[in-house]
Amino acid sequence: MLLAILTIFPLPGEESRIIEVLDSLRTAVAPNVECRESLITVAPDEGGLICYTERWRSREALEQHLGSPLYSRVFEAMELSRQPPKIEFLQVQEVGGLDMVAEARMSKSPTFKQEE
């Protein structure tokens, strides 16, 4: 699995425009079976930064997407960033779920002291 993560630091007043552009990309990429998911998150406590994430099944599918005219919408959103946007591509080798949480909690079980 591959993750494409774009972080944009919106210019004042441009937050809704960035979200609109990224949402149009998200909607357009949704039917692609090679894209497992795409999502937009906003972190108001971080100066309103906007994060757009895509999860791809294969490198080939991601590279095809990056070279497509559709991906030019990302550049439109990036132009509305007050500082250089950050883009990362991560290859995930191992994925865990609730089983990983349960395992971690079982192996690191804290010792609680009762207050006297």
N, C-alpha and C. Protein backbone atom coordinates (compact mmCIF):
# COMPACT_ATOMS: atom_id res chain seq x y z
N MET A 1 0.84 -1.17 0.00
CA MET A 1 0.00 0.00 0.00
C MET A 1 0.89 1.24 0.00
N LEU A 2 0.44 2.26 -0.72
CA LEU A 2 1.15 3.53 -0.77
C LEU A 2 0.24 4.65 -0.30
N LEU A 3 0.83 5.58 0.44
CA LEU A 3 0.11 6.76 0.90
C LEU A 3 0.69 7.98 0.22
N ALA A 4 -0.18 8.84 -0.27
CA ALA A 4 0.22 10.14 -0.79
C ALA A 4 -0.40 11.16 0.16
N ILE A 5 0.46 11.95 0.81
CA ILE A 5 -0.02 12.89 1.82
C ILE A 5 0.43 14.30 1.44
N LEU A 6 -0.54 15.19 1.28
CA LEU A 6 -0.28 16.58 0.93
C LEU A 6 -0.74 17.45 2.09
N THR A 7 0.15 18.31 2.59
CA THR A 7 -0.20 19.24 3.66
C THR A 7 -0.07 20.65 3.12
N ILE A 8 -1.16 21.40 3.22
CA ILE A 8 -1.21 22.78 2.73
C ILE A 8 -1.47 23.71 3.91
N PHE A 9 -0.78 24.84 3.91
CA PHE A 9 -0.91 25.85 4.95
C PHE A 9 -1.65 27.03 4.31
N PRO A 10 -2.97 27.07 4.44
CA PRO A 10 -3.78 28.01 3.66
C PRO A 10 -3.47 29.49 3.90
N LEU A 11 -3.48 30.23 2.81
CA LEU A 11 -3.47 31.68 2.93
C LEU A 11 -4.76 32.08 3.63
N PRO A 12 -4.75 33.18 4.40
CA PRO A 12 -5.97 33.61 5.08
C PRO A 12 -7.13 33.77 4.08
N GLY A 13 -8.25 33.17 4.43
CA GLY A 13 -9.44 33.28 3.60
C GLY A 13 -9.51 32.28 2.45
N GLU A 14 -8.49 31.47 2.26
CA GLU A 14 -8.47 30.52 1.15
C GLU A 14 -8.80 29.08 1.55
N GLU A 15 -9.11 28.88 2.82
CA GLU A 15 -9.38 27.53 3.31
C GLU A 15 -10.49 26.83 2.53
N SER A 16 -11.61 27.52 2.35
CA SER A 16 -12.74 26.88 1.67
C SER A 16 -12.44 26.60 0.21
N ARG A 17 -11.68 27.45 -0.44
CA ARG A 17 -11.30 27.22 -1.84
C ARG A 17 -10.41 25.98 -1.96
N ILE A 18 -9.45 25.84 -1.05
CA ILE A 18 -8.56 24.66 -1.06
C ILE A 18 -9.38 23.39 -0.85
N ILE A 19 -10.28 23.42 0.12
CA ILE A 19 -11.10 22.24 0.40
C ILE A 19 -11.98 21.92 -0.81
N GLU A 20 -12.52 22.93 -1.45
CA GLU A 20 -13.35 22.73 -2.64
C GLU A 20 -12.55 22.04 -3.76
N VAL A 21 -11.34 22.52 -4.01
CA VAL A 21 -10.50 21.93 -5.05
C VAL A 21 -10.14 20.49 -4.70
N LEU A 22 -9.71 20.25 -3.46
CA LEU A 22 -9.32 18.90 -3.06
C LEU A 22 -10.52 17.95 -3.03
N ASP A 23 -11.68 18.48 -2.67
CA ASP A 23 -12.88 17.63 -2.66
C ASP A 23 -13.26 17.23 -4.09
N SER A 24 -13.05 18.12 -5.05
CA SER A 24 -13.35 17.76 -6.44
C SER A 24 -12.40 16.66 -6.91
N LEU A 25 -11.16 16.70 -6.45
CA LEU A 25 -10.20 15.65 -6.77
C LEU A 25 -10.61 14.34 -6.09
N ARG A 26 -10.98 14.42 -4.84
CA ARG A 26 -11.40 13.25 -4.07
C ARG A 26 -12.59 12.57 -4.74
N THR A 27 -13.55 13.36 -5.15
CA THR A 27 -14.74 12.83 -5.81
C THR A 27 -14.39 12.17 -7.14
N ALA A 28 -13.48 12.77 -7.88
CA ALA A 28 -13.09 12.23 -9.18
C ALA A 28 -12.27 10.95 -9.06
N VAL A 29 -11.48 10.82 -8.01
CA VAL A 29 -10.62 9.64 -7.85
C VAL A 29 -11.37 8.48 -7.18
N ALA A 30 -12.50 8.76 -6.54
CA ALA A 30 -13.25 7.73 -5.80
C ALA A 30 -13.62 6.50 -6.63
N PRO A 31 -14.03 6.63 -7.88
CA PRO A 31 -14.39 5.44 -8.65
C PRO A 31 -13.20 4.55 -9.03
N ASN A 32 -11.99 5.05 -8.89
CA ASN A 32 -10.80 4.27 -9.26
C ASN A 32 -10.60 3.16 -8.22
N VAL A 33 -10.74 1.92 -8.65
CA VAL A 33 -10.64 0.79 -7.70
C VAL A 33 -9.24 0.65 -7.13
N GLU A 34 -8.25 1.24 -7.76
CA GLU A 34 -6.87 1.17 -7.25
C GLU A 34 -6.65 2.14 -6.09
N CYS A 35 -7.53 3.13 -5.95
CA CYS A 35 -7.43 4.07 -4.83
C CYS A 35 -8.35 3.58 -3.73
N ARG A 36 -7.76 3.12 -2.64
CA ARG A 36 -8.56 2.55 -1.54
C ARG A 36 -9.37 3.60 -0.80
N GLU A 37 -8.80 4.80 -0.67
CA GLU A 37 -9.55 5.88 -0.03
C GLU A 37 -8.82 7.19 -0.24
N SER A 38 -9.57 8.26 -0.13
CA SER A 38 -9.00 9.61 -0.15
C SER A 38 -9.78 10.42 0.88
N LEU A 39 -9.07 11.26 1.60
CA LEU A 39 -9.75 12.04 2.62
C LEU A 39 -9.07 13.38 2.83
N ILE A 40 -9.87 14.29 3.33
CA ILE A 40 -9.41 15.65 3.64
C ILE A 40 -9.59 15.87 5.13
N THR A 41 -8.53 16.36 5.77
CA THR A 41 -8.63 16.69 7.19
C THR A 41 -8.15 18.13 7.40
N VAL A 42 -8.72 18.78 8.39
CA VAL A 42 -8.36 20.15 8.72
C VAL A 42 -7.95 20.18 10.18
N ALA A 43 -6.82 20.79 10.47
CA ALA A 43 -6.34 20.90 11.85
C ALA A 43 -6.41 22.36 12.29
N PRO A 44 -7.52 22.76 12.89
CA PRO A 44 -7.68 24.16 13.27
C PRO A 44 -6.64 24.65 14.28
N ASP A 45 -6.17 23.74 15.14
CA ASP A 45 -5.18 24.14 16.13
C ASP A 45 -3.79 24.31 15.53
N GLU A 46 -3.61 23.93 14.30
CA GLU A 46 -2.31 24.06 13.62
C GLU A 46 -2.36 25.18 12.57
N GLY A 47 -3.11 26.23 12.84
CA GLY A 47 -3.20 27.33 11.90
C GLY A 47 -4.10 26.99 10.71
N GLY A 48 -4.97 26.00 10.89
CA GLY A 48 -5.90 25.63 9.84
C GLY A 48 -5.31 24.80 8.74
N LEU A 49 -4.18 24.15 9.00
CA LEU A 49 -3.58 23.37 7.93
C LEU A 49 -4.53 22.31 7.41
N ILE A 50 -4.42 22.04 6.12
CA ILE A 50 -5.30 21.09 5.44
C ILE A 50 -4.45 19.95 4.92
N CYS A 51 -4.90 18.75 5.21
CA CYS A 51 -4.16 17.56 4.79
C CYS A 51 -5.06 16.73 3.86
N TYR A 52 -4.51 16.38 2.71
CA TYR A 52 -5.22 15.54 1.74
C TYR A 52 -4.42 14.24 1.62
N THR A 53 -5.10 13.12 1.86
CA THR A 53 -4.43 11.81 1.86
C THR A 53 -5.13 10.87 0.89
N GLU A 54 -4.31 10.15 0.12
CA GLU A 54 -4.82 9.10 -0.75
C GLU A 54 -4.09 7.81 -0.39
N ARG A 55 -4.83 6.71 -0.43
CA ARG A 55 -4.27 5.38 -0.15
C ARG A 55 -4.41 4.54 -1.41
N TRP A 56 -3.26 4.11 -1.99
CA TRP A 56 -3.25 3.40 -3.26
C TRP A 56 -2.80 1.96 -3.09
N ARG A 57 -3.36 1.07 -3.91
CA ARG A 57 -3.02 -0.35 -3.87
C ARG A 57 -1.64 -0.64 -4.43
N SER A 58 -1.23 0.13 -5.45
CA SER A 58 0.05 -0.17 -6.11
C SER A 58 0.76 1.11 -6.53
N ARG A 59 2.06 0.98 -6.67
CA ARG A 59 2.88 2.11 -7.12
C ARG A 59 2.51 2.51 -8.54
N GLU A 60 2.24 1.53 -9.38
CA GLU A 60 1.89 1.80 -10.77
C GLU A 60 0.63 2.66 -10.86
N ALA A 61 -0.38 2.32 -10.05
CA ALA A 61 -1.62 3.09 -10.05
C ALA A 61 -1.38 4.51 -9.55
N LEU A 62 -0.58 4.65 -8.51
CA LEU A 62 -0.27 5.99 -7.98
C LEU A 62 0.48 6.80 -9.03
N GLU A 63 1.47 6.21 -9.67
CA GLU A 63 2.24 6.94 -10.68
C GLU A 63 1.37 7.36 -11.86
N GLN A 64 0.46 6.49 -12.26
CA GLN A 64 -0.47 6.84 -13.34
C GLN A 64 -1.31 8.04 -12.92
N HIS A 65 -1.78 8.04 -11.69
CA HIS A 65 -2.58 9.15 -11.15
C HIS A 65 -1.75 10.44 -11.11
N LEU A 66 -0.52 10.35 -10.65
CA LEU A 66 0.33 11.54 -10.55
C LEU A 66 0.57 12.18 -11.92
N GLY A 67 0.62 11.36 -12.96
CA GLY A 67 0.85 11.87 -14.31
C GLY A 67 -0.40 12.29 -15.04
N SER A 68 -1.55 12.13 -14.42
CA SER A 68 -2.82 12.42 -15.09
C SER A 68 -3.17 13.91 -15.02
N PRO A 69 -3.99 14.37 -15.98
CA PRO A 69 -4.48 15.76 -15.92
C PRO A 69 -5.28 16.03 -14.64
N LEU A 70 -5.94 15.02 -14.12
CA LEU A 70 -6.71 15.15 -12.88
C LEU A 70 -5.84 15.65 -11.73
N TYR A 71 -4.59 15.17 -11.66
CA TYR A 71 -3.71 15.53 -10.55
C TYR A 71 -3.31 17.01 -10.58
N SER A 72 -3.52 17.68 -11.72
CA SER A 72 -3.18 19.12 -11.78
C SER A 72 -4.01 19.93 -10.79
N ARG A 73 -5.13 19.38 -10.32
CA ARG A 73 -5.93 20.07 -9.31
C ARG A 73 -5.13 20.24 -8.01
N VAL A 74 -4.24 19.31 -7.74
CA VAL A 74 -3.39 19.42 -6.55
C VAL A 74 -2.54 20.69 -6.64
N PHE A 75 -1.99 20.95 -7.82
CA PHE A 75 -1.15 22.14 -7.98
C PHE A 75 -1.95 23.42 -7.78
N GLU A 76 -3.20 23.41 -8.21
CA GLU A 76 -4.08 24.56 -8.00
C GLU A 76 -4.24 24.83 -6.51
N ALA A 77 -4.46 23.78 -5.73
CA ALA A 77 -4.61 23.93 -4.27
C ALA A 77 -3.29 24.37 -3.63
N MET A 78 -2.18 23.81 -4.11
CA MET A 78 -0.87 24.14 -3.53
C MET A 78 -0.52 25.62 -3.70
N GLU A 79 -1.00 26.24 -4.76
CA GLU A 79 -0.73 27.66 -5.00
C GLU A 79 -1.37 28.56 -3.95
N LEU A 80 -2.31 28.03 -3.19
CA LEU A 80 -3.01 28.80 -2.16
C LEU A 80 -2.41 28.61 -0.77
N SER A 81 -1.19 28.08 -0.72
CA SER A 81 -0.50 27.84 0.55
C SER A 81 0.38 29.03 0.90
N ARG A 82 0.35 29.43 2.17
CA ARG A 82 1.14 30.59 2.62
C ARG A 82 2.63 30.26 2.78
N GLN A 83 2.95 28.98 2.82
CA GLN A 83 4.34 28.52 2.87
C GLN A 83 4.42 27.28 1.99
N PRO A 84 5.63 26.86 1.64
CA PRO A 84 5.71 25.70 0.75
C PRO A 84 4.93 24.51 1.32
N PRO A 85 4.02 23.96 0.50
CA PRO A 85 3.28 22.79 0.97
C PRO A 85 4.22 21.60 1.10
N LYS A 86 3.79 20.64 1.86
CA LYS A 86 4.60 19.44 2.09
C LYS A 86 3.89 18.27 1.41
N ILE A 87 4.64 17.52 0.62
CA ILE A 87 4.05 16.34 -0.02
C ILE A 87 4.94 15.15 0.26
N GLU A 88 4.32 14.05 0.67
CA GLU A 88 5.05 12.84 1.02
C GLU A 88 4.40 11.63 0.36
N PHE A 89 5.24 10.69 -0.03
CA PHE A 89 4.77 9.42 -0.56
C PHE A 89 5.40 8.33 0.30
N LEU A 90 4.56 7.53 0.93
CA LEU A 90 5.02 6.52 1.87
C LEU A 90 4.59 5.14 1.39
N GLN A 91 5.51 4.20 1.43
CA GLN A 91 5.18 2.81 1.12
C GLN A 91 5.04 2.08 2.44
N VAL A 92 3.85 1.57 2.69
CA VAL A 92 3.55 0.89 3.95
C VAL A 92 3.74 -0.61 3.75
N GLN A 93 4.60 -1.18 4.55
CA GLN A 93 4.90 -2.61 4.44
C GLN A 93 3.97 -3.47 5.27
N GLU A 94 3.58 -2.95 6.41
CA GLU A 94 2.78 -3.74 7.34
C GLU A 94 1.69 -2.85 7.91
N VAL A 95 0.50 -3.38 7.97
CA VAL A 95 -0.64 -2.62 8.47
C VAL A 95 -1.27 -3.40 9.62
N GLY A 96 -1.59 -2.70 10.68
CA GLY A 96 -2.27 -3.32 11.81
C GLY A 96 -3.60 -2.65 12.03
N GLY A 97 -4.41 -3.26 12.84
CA GLY A 97 -5.72 -2.70 13.17
C GLY A 97 -5.96 -2.81 14.66
N LEU A 98 -7.17 -3.10 15.03
CA LEU A 98 -7.50 -3.23 16.45
C LEU A 98 -6.72 -4.35 17.11
N ASP A 99 -6.35 -5.35 16.32
CA ASP A 99 -5.54 -6.43 16.88
C ASP A 99 -4.20 -5.90 17.39
N MET A 100 -3.66 -4.92 16.68
CA MET A 100 -2.39 -4.31 17.10
C MET A 100 -2.56 -3.52 18.41
N VAL A 101 -3.68 -2.84 18.52
CA VAL A 101 -3.98 -2.08 19.74
C VAL A 101 -4.11 -3.05 20.91
N ALA A 102 -4.86 -4.12 20.71
CA ALA A 102 -5.06 -5.11 21.77
C ALA A 102 -3.74 -5.73 22.20
N GLU A 103 -2.90 -6.07 21.23
CA GLU A 103 -1.60 -6.66 21.53
C GLU A 103 -0.72 -5.71 22.31
N ALA A 104 -0.70 -4.45 21.91
CA ALA A 104 0.11 -3.45 22.61
C ALA A 104 -0.38 -3.23 24.03
N ARG A 105 -1.68 -3.21 24.19
CA ARG A 105 -2.24 -2.99 25.52
C ARG A 105 -1.99 -4.17 26.44
N MET A 106 -2.00 -5.36 25.88
CA MET A 106 -1.75 -6.56 26.69
C MET A 106 -0.28 -6.64 27.11
N SER A 107 0.62 -6.26 26.23
CA SER A 107 2.04 -6.40 26.54
C SER A 107 2.57 -5.26 27.40
N LYS A 108 1.88 -4.14 27.42
CA LYS A 108 2.34 -2.96 28.18
C LYS A 108 1.36 -2.60 29.27
N SER A 109 0.73 -3.57 29.84
CA SER A 109 -0.28 -3.34 30.85
C SER A 109 0.31 -2.57 32.03
N PRO A 110 -0.20 -1.35 32.28
CA PRO A 110 0.34 -0.55 33.39
C PRO A 110 -0.11 -1.09 34.74
N THR A 111 0.69 -0.81 35.72
CA THR A 111 0.32 -1.17 37.09
C THR A 111 -0.26 0.08 37.73
N PHE A 112 -1.47 -0.04 38.23
CA PHE A 112 -2.13 1.10 38.83
C PHE A 112 -2.02 1.00 40.35
N LYS A 113 -1.79 2.13 40.97
CA LYS A 113 -1.74 2.17 42.42
C LYS A 113 -3.01 2.85 42.91
N GLN A 114 -3.58 2.27 43.93
CA GLN A 114 -4.75 2.89 44.53
C GLN A 114 -4.28 4.03 45.41
N GLU A 115 -5.03 5.13 45.33
CA GLU A 115 -4.70 6.24 46.20
C GLU A 115 -5.18 5.91 47.60
N GLU A 116 -4.39 6.30 48.57
CA GLU A 116 -4.74 6.03 49.96
C GLU A 116 -5.35 7.23 50.61
